[in-house]
N, C-alpha and C. Protein backbone atom coordinates (compact mmCIF):
# COMPACT_ATOMS: atom_id res chain seq x y z
N MET A 1 0.85 -1.17 0.00
CA MET A 1 0.00 0.00 0.00
C MET A 1 0.90 1.24 0.00
N GLY A 2 0.66 2.16 -0.90
CA GLY A 2 1.48 3.36 -1.01
C GLY A 2 1.20 4.36 0.09
N VAL A 3 2.09 5.30 0.23
CA VAL A 3 1.97 6.33 1.27
C VAL A 3 0.66 7.09 1.13
N ASN A 4 0.28 7.46 -0.09
CA ASN A 4 -0.94 8.23 -0.29
C ASN A 4 -2.19 7.44 0.11
N ALA A 5 -2.15 6.13 -0.01
CA ALA A 5 -3.29 5.31 0.38
C ALA A 5 -3.39 5.15 1.89
N GLN A 6 -2.29 5.32 2.60
CA GLN A 6 -2.29 5.12 4.05
C GLN A 6 -2.79 6.32 4.82
N MET A 7 -2.68 7.50 4.25
CA MET A 7 -3.10 8.69 4.98
C MET A 7 -4.06 9.51 4.15
N LYS A 8 -4.99 10.14 4.81
CA LYS A 8 -5.91 11.03 4.14
C LYS A 8 -5.33 12.43 4.21
N PHE A 9 -4.88 12.95 3.09
CA PHE A 9 -4.24 14.26 3.08
C PHE A 9 -5.31 15.34 3.04
N GLN A 10 -5.22 16.25 3.97
CA GLN A 10 -6.15 17.37 4.02
C GLN A 10 -5.41 18.58 3.50
N GLU A 11 -5.73 18.98 2.28
CA GLU A 11 -4.94 20.03 1.67
C GLU A 11 -5.34 21.43 2.12
N LYS A 12 -6.53 21.57 2.73
CA LYS A 12 -6.97 22.88 3.21
C LYS A 12 -7.56 22.74 4.60
N VAL A 13 -7.02 23.53 5.53
CA VAL A 13 -7.51 23.52 6.91
C VAL A 13 -7.93 24.94 7.27
N GLU A 14 -9.18 25.10 7.69
CA GLU A 14 -9.65 26.42 8.12
C GLU A 14 -9.27 26.63 9.58
N VAL A 15 -8.67 27.79 9.85
CA VAL A 15 -8.22 28.11 11.20
C VAL A 15 -8.72 29.50 11.58
N THR A 16 -8.81 29.76 12.88
CA THR A 16 -9.30 31.06 13.36
C THR A 16 -8.20 31.92 13.96
N THR A 17 -6.95 31.50 13.81
CA THR A 17 -5.80 32.30 14.25
C THR A 17 -4.82 32.43 13.08
N LYS A 18 -4.02 33.46 13.11
CA LYS A 18 -3.06 33.67 12.03
C LYS A 18 -1.71 33.04 12.32
N ARG A 19 -1.59 32.35 13.44
CA ARG A 19 -0.38 31.59 13.76
C ARG A 19 -0.80 30.15 13.99
N VAL A 20 -0.22 29.23 13.23
CA VAL A 20 -0.59 27.82 13.33
C VAL A 20 0.66 26.97 13.47
N ALA A 21 0.49 25.78 14.01
CA ALA A 21 1.58 24.80 14.11
C ALA A 21 1.23 23.61 13.23
N CYS A 22 2.23 23.09 12.54
CA CYS A 22 2.02 21.91 11.69
C CYS A 22 3.11 20.90 12.02
N ASP A 23 2.68 19.64 12.25
CA ASP A 23 3.65 18.58 12.53
C ASP A 23 3.57 17.45 11.51
N GLY A 24 2.81 17.66 10.44
CA GLY A 24 2.75 16.67 9.37
C GLY A 24 1.74 15.56 9.55
N GLY A 25 1.02 15.56 10.64
CA GLY A 25 -0.02 14.55 10.82
C GLY A 25 0.53 13.15 11.01
N VAL A 26 -0.04 12.18 10.29
CA VAL A 26 0.25 10.76 10.46
C VAL A 26 1.73 10.43 10.21
N LEU A 27 2.26 10.87 9.11
CA LEU A 27 3.66 10.55 8.79
C LEU A 27 4.64 11.46 9.49
N GLY A 28 4.20 12.66 9.81
CA GLY A 28 4.99 13.58 10.60
C GLY A 28 6.17 14.23 9.92
N HIS A 29 6.57 15.35 10.50
CA HIS A 29 7.77 16.09 10.15
C HIS A 29 8.06 16.98 11.34
N PRO A 30 9.19 17.66 11.37
CA PRO A 30 9.47 18.54 12.51
C PRO A 30 8.34 19.57 12.67
N LYS A 31 7.93 19.81 13.89
CA LYS A 31 6.86 20.80 14.13
C LYS A 31 7.36 22.19 13.75
N VAL A 32 6.56 22.86 12.95
CA VAL A 32 6.89 24.22 12.53
C VAL A 32 5.72 25.14 12.88
N TYR A 33 6.04 26.36 13.22
CA TYR A 33 5.02 27.38 13.48
C TYR A 33 5.00 28.31 12.29
N LEU A 34 3.82 28.51 11.74
CA LEU A 34 3.66 29.31 10.53
C LEU A 34 2.86 30.56 10.84
N GLU A 35 3.35 31.69 10.37
CA GLU A 35 2.69 32.99 10.57
C GLU A 35 2.11 33.46 9.25
N MET A 36 0.88 33.93 9.26
CA MET A 36 0.25 34.44 8.05
C MET A 36 0.54 35.91 7.80
N GLY A 37 0.83 36.66 8.88
CA GLY A 37 1.07 38.09 8.70
C GLY A 37 -0.15 38.78 8.13
N ASN A 38 0.01 39.52 7.04
CA ASN A 38 -1.10 40.23 6.41
C ASN A 38 -1.89 39.35 5.45
N MET A 39 -1.41 38.15 5.19
CA MET A 39 -2.06 37.24 4.25
C MET A 39 -3.20 36.50 4.95
N SER A 40 -4.04 35.83 4.18
CA SER A 40 -5.15 35.08 4.76
C SER A 40 -4.91 33.57 4.70
N GLU A 41 -3.72 33.16 4.23
CA GLU A 41 -3.40 31.74 4.22
C GLU A 41 -1.89 31.55 4.24
N VAL A 42 -1.48 30.33 4.61
CA VAL A 42 -0.06 29.97 4.64
C VAL A 42 0.02 28.47 4.31
N THR A 43 1.11 28.08 3.66
CA THR A 43 1.32 26.69 3.27
C THR A 43 2.54 26.13 3.98
N CYS A 44 2.41 24.94 4.54
CA CYS A 44 3.53 24.29 5.22
C CYS A 44 4.61 23.92 4.20
N PRO A 45 5.86 24.31 4.46
CA PRO A 45 6.93 23.99 3.51
C PRO A 45 7.30 22.50 3.49
N TYR A 46 6.91 21.74 4.50
CA TYR A 46 7.21 20.31 4.54
C TYR A 46 6.16 19.46 3.84
N CYS A 47 4.89 19.64 4.22
CA CYS A 47 3.84 18.73 3.72
C CYS A 47 2.84 19.40 2.78
N SER A 48 2.99 20.70 2.55
CA SER A 48 2.13 21.46 1.64
C SER A 48 0.69 21.60 2.11
N CYS A 49 0.43 21.31 3.37
CA CYS A 49 -0.90 21.54 3.92
C CYS A 49 -1.15 23.05 3.93
N ARG A 50 -2.33 23.46 3.47
CA ARG A 50 -2.64 24.87 3.36
C ARG A 50 -3.59 25.26 4.49
N TYR A 51 -3.20 26.26 5.27
CA TYR A 51 -4.02 26.76 6.37
C TYR A 51 -4.64 28.08 5.92
N VAL A 52 -5.97 28.16 6.03
CA VAL A 52 -6.71 29.33 5.57
C VAL A 52 -7.41 29.97 6.75
N PHE A 53 -7.19 31.27 6.94
CA PHE A 53 -7.80 32.02 8.04
C PHE A 53 -9.26 32.31 7.71
N VAL A 54 -10.13 32.03 8.68
CA VAL A 54 -11.54 32.40 8.59
C VAL A 54 -11.92 33.12 9.87
N GLU A 55 -12.81 34.06 9.77
CA GLU A 55 -13.28 34.77 10.95
C GLU A 55 -13.97 33.77 11.88
N PRO A 56 -13.79 33.90 13.19
CA PRO A 56 -14.39 32.95 14.13
C PRO A 56 -15.90 32.79 13.97
N ASP A 57 -16.61 33.84 13.59
CA ASP A 57 -18.06 33.75 13.42
C ASP A 57 -18.46 32.94 12.19
N SER A 58 -17.55 32.78 11.22
CA SER A 58 -17.90 32.10 9.97
C SER A 58 -17.57 30.61 9.99
N VAL A 59 -16.98 30.11 11.07
CA VAL A 59 -16.65 28.70 11.18
C VAL A 59 -17.95 27.92 11.44
N SER A 60 -18.18 26.88 10.62
CA SER A 60 -19.40 26.10 10.81
C SER A 60 -19.31 25.28 12.10
N LYS A 61 -20.38 25.25 12.85
CA LYS A 61 -20.41 24.53 14.11
C LYS A 61 -20.91 23.12 13.89
N GLU A 62 -20.16 22.16 14.44
CA GLU A 62 -20.55 20.75 14.33
C GLU A 62 -21.33 20.38 15.59
N ILE A 63 -22.41 19.64 15.37
CA ILE A 63 -23.25 19.23 16.51
C ILE A 63 -23.11 17.74 16.70
C-alpha cells in the first residue's frame, strides 16, 4: 500500500488564528510554526498543507 493510500491528506484547513503549528499529521515532520502576517493563508513547507484564516463567526459549528 502506497503512502498516499495510508493517509488522508487534508490540503486545506480552516483556522481562526493567524499563527498555526504543523507537525505533518500521520507521517509527521518537525513541528513548525507558521505565521500568516497580512495574508489570509499559509502553506507548510514540509507537507504542503494549506491553512486558511476564517473569521471565528464564519466557522461552521458541528453538533
